[in-house]
Amino acid sequence: MVMNLKRMTWAWVAVLLLGVTVVGAGCTADTETPAPPAPVAETISPLKAYTLTQNNQRNPYFAIIDVRTAAEFTEEHIEG
């Protein structure tokens, strides 16, 4: 019984050390790849949408999401 208890204790120590190693390895920072900027939501005019789109053509993290209804879109939108 005492031998099994010692063996079990060492097994748990090994499992805990492995867990700490795995968690620690997952927390290392990758300094070469910057994190994308936090998303920003705001209401903008069609002119501002056009300007932002033109100024961010090469920005992979830039997106405009149009959430208007069909009626709102018909009222005012950028052609094309």
PDB file of N, CA and C in Angstrom:
ATOM      1  N   MET A   1       0.826  -1.193   0.000  1.00  0.00           N
ATOM      2  CA  MET A   1       0.000   0.000   0.000  1.00  0.00           C
ATOM      3  C   MET A   1       0.871   1.259   0.000  1.00  0.00           C
ATOM      4  N   VAL A   2       1.929   1.272   0.818  1.00  0.00           N
ATOM      5  CA  VAL A   2       2.811   2.428   0.893  1.00  0.00           C
ATOM      6  C   VAL A   2       3.529   2.618  -0.439  1.00  0.00           C
ATOM      7  N   MET A   3       3.940   1.528  -1.072  1.00  0.00           N
ATOM      8  CA  MET A   3       4.626   1.622  -2.363  1.00  0.00           C
ATOM      9  C   MET A   3       3.685   2.198  -3.428  1.00  0.00           C
ATOM     10  N   ASN A   4       2.437   1.780  -3.444  1.00  0.00           N
ATOM     11  CA  ASN A   4       1.477   2.313  -4.401  1.00  0.00           C
ATOM     12  C   ASN A   4       1.231   3.794  -4.153  1.00  0.00           C
ATOM     13  N   LEU A   5       1.187   4.215  -2.908  1.00  0.00           N
ATOM     14  CA  LEU A   5       0.973   5.625  -2.583  1.00  0.00           C
ATOM     15  C   LEU A   5       2.138   6.475  -3.077  1.00  0.00           C
ATOM     16  N   LYS A   6       3.365   5.993  -2.890  1.00  0.00           N
ATOM     17  CA  LYS A   6       4.535   6.715  -3.391  1.00  0.00           C
ATOM     18  C   LYS A   6       4.511   6.793  -4.913  1.00  0.00           C
ATOM     19  N   ARG A   7       4.175   5.680  -5.534  1.00  0.00           N
ATOM     20  CA  ARG A   7       4.128   5.637  -6.991  1.00  0.00           C
ATOM     21  C   ARG A   7       3.053   6.594  -7.521  1.00  0.00           C
ATOM     22  N   MET A   8       1.886   6.617  -6.853  1.00  0.00           N
ATOM     23  CA  MET A   8       0.813   7.512  -7.263  1.00  0.00           C
ATOM     24  C   MET A   8       1.210   8.975  -7.072  1.00  0.00           C
ATOM     25  N   THR A   9       1.903   9.264  -5.976  1.00  0.00           N
ATOM     26  CA  THR A   9       2.352  10.628  -5.717  1.00  0.00           C
ATOM     27  C   THR A   9       3.292  11.086  -6.820  1.00  0.00           C
ATOM     28  N   TRP A  10       4.252  10.259  -7.186  1.00  0.00           N
ATOM     29  CA  TRP A  10       5.193  10.622  -8.240  1.00  0.00           C
ATOM     30  C   TRP A  10       4.492  10.744  -9.597  1.00  0.00           C
ATOM     31  N   ALA A  11       3.489   9.918  -9.812  1.00  0.00           N
ATOM     32  CA  ALA A  11       2.735  10.016 -11.064  1.00  0.00           C
ATOM     33  C   ALA A  11       2.015  11.365 -11.139  1.00  0.00           C
ATOM     34  N   TRP A  12       1.409  11.779 -10.023  1.00  0.00           N
ATOM     35  CA  TRP A  12       0.717  13.078 -10.008  1.00  0.00           C
ATOM     36  C   TRP A  12       1.698  14.230 -10.172  1.00  0.00           C
ATOM     37  N   VAL A  13       2.859  14.122  -9.560  1.00  0.00           N
ATOM     38  CA  VAL A  13       3.879  15.164  -9.716  1.00  0.00           C
ATOM     39  C   VAL A  13       4.283  15.264 -11.188  1.00  0.00           C
ATOM     40  N   ALA A  14       4.469  14.117 -11.841  1.00  0.00           N
ATOM     41  CA  ALA A  14       4.845  14.114 -13.260  1.00  0.00           C
ATOM     42  C   ALA A  14       3.740  14.742 -14.109  1.00  0.00           C
ATOM     43  N   VAL A  15       2.484  14.416 -13.817  1.00  0.00           N
ATOM     44  CA  VAL A  15       1.360  14.981 -14.566  1.00  0.00           C
ATOM     45  C   VAL A  15       1.295  16.492 -14.367  1.00  0.00           C
ATOM     46  N   LEU A  16       1.465  16.950 -13.140  1.00  0.00           N
ATOM     47  CA  LEU A  16       1.432  18.383 -12.877  1.00  0.00           C
ATOM     48  C   LEU A  16       2.570  19.116 -13.582  1.00  0.00           C
ATOM     49  N   LEU A  17       3.766  18.542 -13.550  1.00  0.00           N
ATOM     50  CA  LEU A  17       4.902  19.176 -14.235  1.00  0.00           C
ATOM     51  C   LEU A  17       4.669  19.232 -15.739  1.00  0.00           C
ATOM     52  N   LEU A  18       4.107  18.183 -16.294  1.00  0.00           N
ATOM     53  CA  LEU A  18       3.797  18.175 -17.718  1.00  0.00           C
ATOM     54  C   LEU A  18       2.763  19.245 -18.036  1.00  0.00           C
ATOM     55  N   GLY A  19       1.737  19.358 -17.194  1.00  0.00           N
ATOM     56  CA  GLY A  19       0.701  20.373 -17.403  1.00  0.00           C
ATOM     57  C   GLY A  19       1.265  21.773 -17.337  1.00  0.00           C
ATOM     58  N   VAL A  20       2.126  22.042 -16.378  1.00  0.00           N
ATOM     59  CA  VAL A  20       2.739  23.364 -16.249  1.00  0.00           C
ATOM     60  C   VAL A  20       3.607  23.658 -17.462  1.00  0.00           C
ATOM     61  N   THR A  21       4.314  22.657 -17.956  1.00  0.00           N
ATOM     62  CA  THR A  21       5.159  22.838 -19.133  1.00  0.00           C
ATOM     63  C   THR A  21       4.323  23.158 -20.363  1.00  0.00           C
ATOM     64  N   VAL A  22       3.232  22.434 -20.552  1.00  0.00           N
ATOM     65  CA  VAL A  22       2.372  22.658 -21.714  1.00  0.00           C
ATOM     66  C   VAL A  22       1.727  24.037 -21.644  1.00  0.00           C
ATOM     67  N   VAL A  23       1.202  24.411 -20.488  1.00  0.00           N
ATOM     68  CA  VAL A  23       0.568  25.717 -20.333  1.00  0.00           C
ATOM     69  C   VAL A  23       1.601  26.821 -20.521  1.00  0.00           C
ATOM     70  N   GLY A  24       2.762  26.654 -19.947  1.00  0.00           N
ATOM     71  CA  GLY A  24       3.823  27.660 -20.085  1.00  0.00           C
ATOM     72  C   GLY A  24       4.268  27.826 -21.522  1.00  0.00           C
ATOM     73  N   ALA A  25       4.355  26.734 -22.258  1.00  0.00           N
ATOM     74  CA  ALA A  25       4.762  26.809 -23.664  1.00  0.00           C
ATOM     75  C   ALA A  25       3.715  27.523 -24.497  1.00  0.00           C
ATOM     76  N   GLY A  26       2.452  27.370 -24.142  1.00  0.00           N
ATOM     77  CA  GLY A  26       1.379  28.031 -24.887  1.00  0.00           C
ATOM     78  C   GLY A  26       1.295  29.517 -24.602  1.00  0.00           C
ATOM     79  N   CYS A  27       1.940  29.989 -23.561  1.00  0.00           N
ATOM     80  CA  CYS A  27       1.853  31.400 -23.179  1.00  0.00           C
ATOM     81  C   CYS A  27       2.998  32.242 -23.724  1.00  0.00           C
ATOM     82  N   THR A  28       3.875  31.654 -24.515  1.00  0.00           N
ATOM     83  CA  THR A  28       4.981  32.444 -25.044  1.00  0.00           C
ATOM     84  C   THR A  28       4.465  33.375 -26.122  1.00  0.00           C
ATOM     85  N   ALA A  29       5.006  34.570 -26.168  1.00  0.00           N
ATOM     86  CA  ALA A  29       4.558  35.582 -27.126  1.00  0.00           C
ATOM     87  C   ALA A  29       5.316  35.443 -28.437  1.00  0.00           C
ATOM     88  N   ASP A  30       4.606  35.596 -29.534  1.00  0.00           N
ATOM     89  CA  ASP A  30       5.213  35.608 -30.851  1.00  0.00           C
ATOM     90  C   ASP A  30       5.493  37.059 -31.206  1.00  0.00           C
ATOM     91  N   THR A  31       6.748  37.454 -31.129  1.00  0.00           N
ATOM     92  CA  THR A  31       7.083  38.867 -31.311  1.00  0.00           C
ATOM     93  C   THR A  31       7.099  39.290 -32.772  1.00  0.00           C
ATOM     94  N   GLU A  32       7.067  38.337 -33.710  1.00  0.00           N
ATOM     95  CA  GLU A  32       7.139  38.692 -35.118  1.00  0.00           C
ATOM     96  C   GLU A  32       5.775  39.003 -35.721  1.00  0.00           C
ATOM     97  N   THR A  33       4.694  38.495 -35.149  1.00  0.00           N
ATOM     98  CA  THR A  33       3.363  38.713 -35.706  1.00  0.00           C
ATOM     99  C   THR A  33       2.560  39.606 -34.770  1.00  0.00           C
ATOM    100  N   PRO A  34       2.357  40.872 -35.147  1.00  0.00           N
ATOM    101  CA  PRO A  34       1.590  41.767 -34.265  1.00  0.00           C
ATOM    102  C   PRO A  34       0.113  41.373 -34.255  1.00  0.00           C
ATOM    103  N   ALA A  35      -0.530  41.609 -33.146  1.00  0.00           N
ATOM    104  CA  ALA A  35      -1.953  41.329 -33.024  1.00  0.00           C
ATOM    105  C   ALA A  35      -2.736  42.351 -33.842  1.00  0.00           C
ATOM    106  N   PRO A  36      -3.834  41.909 -34.475  1.00  0.00           N
ATOM    107  CA  PRO A  36      -4.641  42.873 -35.223  1.00  0.00           C
ATOM    108  C   PRO A  36      -5.272  43.884 -34.276  1.00  0.00           C
ATOM    109  N   PRO A  37      -5.535  45.074 -34.769  1.00  0.00           N
ATOM    110  CA  PRO A  37      -6.147  46.085 -33.903  1.00  0.00           C
ATOM    111  C   PRO A  37      -7.556  45.663 -33.478  1.00  0.00           C
ATOM    112  N   ALA A  38      -7.995  46.185 -32.356  1.00  0.00           N
ATOM    113  CA  ALA A  38      -9.337  45.879 -31.855  1.00  0.00           C
ATOM    114  C   ALA A  38     -10.381  46.444 -32.812  1.00  0.00           C
ATOM    115  N   PRO A  39     -11.474  45.716 -33.024  1.00  0.00           N
ATOM    116  CA  PRO A  39     -12.500  46.234 -33.926  1.00  0.00           C
ATOM    117  C   PRO A  39     -13.166  47.490 -33.378  1.00  0.00           C
ATOM    118  N   VAL A  40     -13.522  48.370 -34.287  1.00  0.00           N
ATOM    119  CA  VAL A  40     -14.198  49.609 -33.921  1.00  0.00           C
ATOM    120  C   VAL A  40     -15.503  49.657 -34.705  1.00  0.00           C
ATOM    121  N   ALA A  41     -16.604  49.932 -34.025  1.00  0.00           N
ATOM    122  CA  ALA A  41     -17.896  50.044 -34.694  1.00  0.00           C
ATOM    123  C   ALA A  41     -18.393  51.469 -34.561  1.00  0.00           C
ATOM    124  N   GLU A  42     -18.801  52.043 -35.692  1.00  0.00           N
ATOM    125  CA  GLU A  42     -19.353  53.392 -35.671  1.00  0.00           C
ATOM    126  C   GLU A  42     -20.244  53.580 -36.894  1.00  0.00           C
ATOM    127  N   THR A  43     -21.154  54.492 -36.796  1.00  0.00           N
ATOM    128  CA  THR A  43     -22.013  54.853 -37.915  1.00  0.00           C
ATOM    129  C   THR A  43     -21.288  55.893 -38.749  1.00  0.00           C
ATOM    130  N   ILE A  44     -21.196  55.640 -40.069  1.00  0.00           N
ATOM    131  CA  ILE A  44     -20.479  56.564 -40.942  1.00  0.00           C
ATOM    132  C   ILE A  44     -21.326  56.884 -42.176  1.00  0.00           C
ATOM    133  N   SER A  45     -21.008  58.008 -42.809  1.00  0.00           N
ATOM    134  CA  SER A  45     -21.703  58.422 -44.029  1.00  0.00           C
ATOM    135  C   SER A  45     -21.145  57.640 -45.218  1.00  0.00           C
ATOM    136  N   PRO A  46     -21.882  57.599 -46.309  1.00  0.00           N
ATOM    137  CA  PRO A  46     -21.347  56.946 -47.509  1.00  0.00           C
ATOM    138  C   PRO A  46     -20.024  57.553 -47.972  1.00  0.00           C
ATOM    139  N   LEU A  47     -19.891  58.870 -47.859  1.00  0.00           N
ATOM    140  CA  LEU A  47     -18.638  59.516 -48.261  1.00  0.00           C
ATOM    141  C   LEU A  47     -17.478  59.043 -47.380  1.00  0.00           C
ATOM    142  N   LYS A  48     -17.710  58.959 -46.085  1.00  0.00           N
ATOM    143  CA  LYS A  48     -16.654  58.490 -45.183  1.00  0.00           C
ATOM    144  C   LYS A  48     -16.326  57.023 -45.455  1.00  0.00           C
ATOM    145  N   ALA A  49     -17.336  56.212 -45.763  1.00  0.00           N
ATOM    146  CA  ALA A  49     -17.102  54.801 -46.098  1.00  0.00           C
ATOM    147  C   ALA A  49     -16.215  54.693 -47.337  1.00  0.00           C
ATOM    148  N   TYR A  50     -16.516  55.502 -48.342  1.00  0.00           N
ATOM    149  CA  TYR A  50     -15.717  55.506 -49.566  1.00  0.00           C
ATOM    150  C   TYR A  50     -14.271  55.906 -49.266  1.00  0.00           C
ATOM    151  N   THR A  51     -14.090  56.980 -48.505  1.00  0.00           N
ATOM    152  CA  THR A  51     -12.750  57.460 -48.164  1.00  0.00           C
ATOM    153  C   THR A  51     -11.977  56.410 -47.369  1.00  0.00           C
ATOM    154  N   LEU A  52     -12.615  55.819 -46.367  1.00  0.00           N
ATOM    155  CA  LEU A  52     -11.956  54.783 -45.570  1.00  0.00           C
ATOM    156  C   LEU A  52     -11.559  53.587 -46.429  1.00  0.00           C
ATOM    157  N   THR A  53     -12.450  53.197 -47.336  1.00  0.00           N
ATOM    158  CA  THR A  53     -12.162  52.068 -48.219  1.00  0.00           C
ATOM    159  C   THR A  53     -10.958  52.371 -49.103  1.00  0.00           C
ATOM    160  N   GLN A  54     -10.908  53.563 -49.652  1.00  0.00           N
ATOM    161  CA  GLN A  54      -9.783  53.951 -50.513  1.00  0.00           C
ATOM    162  C   GLN A  54      -8.470  53.982 -49.727  1.00  0.00           C
ATOM    163  N   ASN A  55      -8.513  54.485 -48.498  1.00  0.00           N
ATOM    164  CA  ASN A  55      -7.297  54.630 -47.686  1.00  0.00           C
ATOM    165  C   ASN A  55      -6.825  53.312 -47.074  1.00  0.00           C
ATOM    166  N   ASN A  56      -7.653  52.284 -47.079  1.00  0.00           N
ATOM    167  CA  ASN A  56      -7.293  51.023 -46.424  1.00  0.00           C
ATOM    168  C   ASN A  56      -7.319  49.829 -47.372  1.00  0.00           C
ATOM    169  N   GLN A  57      -7.087  50.053 -48.654  1.00  0.00           N
ATOM    170  CA  GLN A  57      -7.137  48.971 -49.640  1.00  0.00           C
ATOM    171  C   GLN A  57      -6.138  47.855 -49.355  1.00  0.00           C
ATOM    172  N   ARG A  58      -5.018  48.178 -48.756  1.00  0.00           N
ATOM    173  CA  ARG A  58      -3.987  47.163 -48.484  1.00  0.00           C
ATOM    174  C   ARG A  58      -3.966  46.712 -47.020  1.00  0.00           C
ATOM    175  N   ASN A  59      -4.913  47.141 -46.234  1.00  0.00           N
ATOM    176  CA  ASN A  59      -4.964  46.783 -44.807  1.00  0.00           C
ATOM    177  C   ASN A  59      -5.785  45.501 -44.639  1.00  0.00           C
ATOM    178  N   PRO A  60      -5.144  44.366 -44.282  1.00  0.00           N
ATOM    179  CA  PRO A  60      -5.880  43.103 -44.173  1.00  0.00           C
ATOM    180  C   PRO A  60      -6.841  43.054 -42.987  1.00  0.00           C
ATOM    181  N   TYR A  61      -6.719  43.975 -42.056  1.00  0.00           N
ATOM    182  CA  TYR A  61      -7.577  43.971 -40.869  1.00  0.00           C
ATOM    183  C   TYR A  61      -8.748  44.947 -40.988  1.00  0.00           C
ATOM    184  N   PHE A  62      -8.881  45.597 -42.125  1.00  0.00           N
ATOM    185  CA  PHE A  62      -9.919  46.612 -42.303  1.00  0.00           C
ATOM    186  C   PHE A  62     -11.155  45.999 -42.960  1.00  0.00           C
ATOM    187  N   ALA A  63     -12.328  46.314 -42.409  1.00  0.00           N
ATOM    188  CA  ALA A  63     -13.586  45.847 -43.008  1.00  0.00           C
ATOM    189  C   ALA A  63     -14.696  46.826 -42.655  1.00  0.00           C
ATOM    190  N   ILE A  64     -15.566  47.040 -43.613  1.00  0.00           N
ATOM    191  CA  ILE A  64     -16.787  47.794 -43.356  1.00  0.00           C
ATOM    192  C   ILE A  64     -17.936  46.818 -43.521  1.00  0.00           C
ATOM    193  N   ILE A  65     -18.796  46.745 -42.529  1.00  0.00           N
ATOM    194  CA  ILE A  65     -19.948  45.850 -42.574  1.00  0.00           C
ATOM    195  C   ILE A  65     -21.199  46.708 -42.615  1.00  0.00           C
ATOM    196  N   ASP A  66     -21.936  46.591 -43.696  1.00  0.00           N
ATOM    197  CA  ASP A  66     -23.160  47.375 -43.890  1.00  0.00           C
ATOM    198  C   ASP A  66     -24.324  46.592 -43.290  1.00  0.00           C
ATOM    199  N   VAL A  67     -24.921  47.119 -42.238  1.00  0.00           N
ATOM    200  CA  VAL A  67     -26.005  46.409 -41.537  1.00  0.00           C
ATOM    201  C   VAL A  67     -27.360  47.081 -41.737  1.00  0.00           C
ATOM    202  N   ARG A  68     -27.450  47.928 -42.762  1.00  0.00           N
ATOM    203  CA  ARG A  68     -28.716  48.614 -43.017  1.00  0.00           C
ATOM    204  C   ARG A  68     -29.744  47.671 -43.642  1.00  0.00           C
ATOM    205  N   THR A  69     -30.999  48.052 -43.519  1.00  0.00           N
ATOM    206  CA  THR A  69     -32.062  47.320 -44.198  1.00  0.00           C
ATOM    207  C   THR A  69     -32.011  47.661 -45.688  1.00  0.00           C
ATOM    208  N   ALA A  70     -32.759  46.921 -46.495  1.00  0.00           N
ATOM    209  CA  ALA A  70     -32.795  47.194 -47.935  1.00  0.00           C
ATOM    210  C   ALA A  70     -33.334  48.600 -48.206  1.00  0.00           C
ATOM    211  N   ALA A  71     -34.331  49.017 -47.436  1.00  0.00           N
ATOM    212  CA  ALA A  71     -34.894  50.362 -47.620  1.00  0.00           C
ATOM    213  C   ALA A  71     -33.857  51.437 -47.286  1.00  0.00           C
ATOM    214  N   GLU A  72     -33.112  51.238 -46.225  1.00  0.00           N
ATOM    215  CA  GLU A  72     -32.073  52.212 -45.853  1.00  0.00           C
ATOM    216  C   GLU A  72     -30.984  52.259 -46.927  1.00  0.00           C
ATOM    217  N   PHE A  73     -30.635  51.104 -47.466  1.00  0.00           N
ATOM    218  CA  PHE A  73     -29.616  51.050 -48.515  1.00  0.00           C
ATOM    219  C   PHE A  73     -30.083  51.800 -49.756  1.00  0.00           C
ATOM    220  N   THR A  74     -31.364  51.639 -50.112  1.00  0.00           N
ATOM    221  CA  THR A  74     -31.919  52.304 -51.288  1.00  0.00           C
ATOM    222  C   THR A  74     -31.880  53.824 -51.126  1.00  0.00           C
ATOM    223  N   GLU A  75     -32.087  54.287 -49.918  1.00  0.00           N
ATOM    224  CA  GLU A  75     -32.048  55.736 -49.663  1.00  0.00           C
ATOM    225  C   GLU A  75     -30.714  56.365 -50.014  1.00  0.00           C
ATOM    226  N   GLU A  76     -29.619  55.710 -49.585  1.00  0.00           N
ATOM    227  CA  GLU A  76     -28.306  56.302 -49.788  1.00  0.00           C
ATOM    228  C   GLU A  76     -27.257  55.207 -49.729  1.00  0.00           C
ATOM    229  N   HIS A  77     -26.449  55.124 -50.803  1.00  0.00           N
ATOM    230  CA  HIS A  77     -25.337  54.164 -50.838  1.00  0.00           C
ATOM    231  C   HIS A  77     -24.326  54.581 -51.898  1.00  0.00           C
ATOM    232  N   ILE A  78     -23.177  53.980 -51.840  1.00  0.00           N
ATOM    233  CA  ILE A  78     -22.114  54.237 -52.805  1.00  0.00           C
ATOM    234  C   ILE A  78     -22.396  53.366 -54.028  1.00  0.00           C
ATOM    235  N   GLU A  79     -22.391  53.958 -55.196  1.00  0.00           N
ATOM    236  CA  GLU A  79     -22.651  53.198 -56.422  1.00  0.00           C
ATOM    237  C   GLU A  79     -21.539  52.150 -56.629  1.00  0.00           C
ATOM    238  N   GLY A  80     -21.957  50.986 -57.088  1.00  0.00           N
ATOM    239  CA  GLY A  80     -20.999  49.926 -57.395  1.00  0.00           C
ATOM    240  C   GLY A  80     -20.589  49.168 -56.176  1.00  0.00           C
TER     241      GLY A  80
END
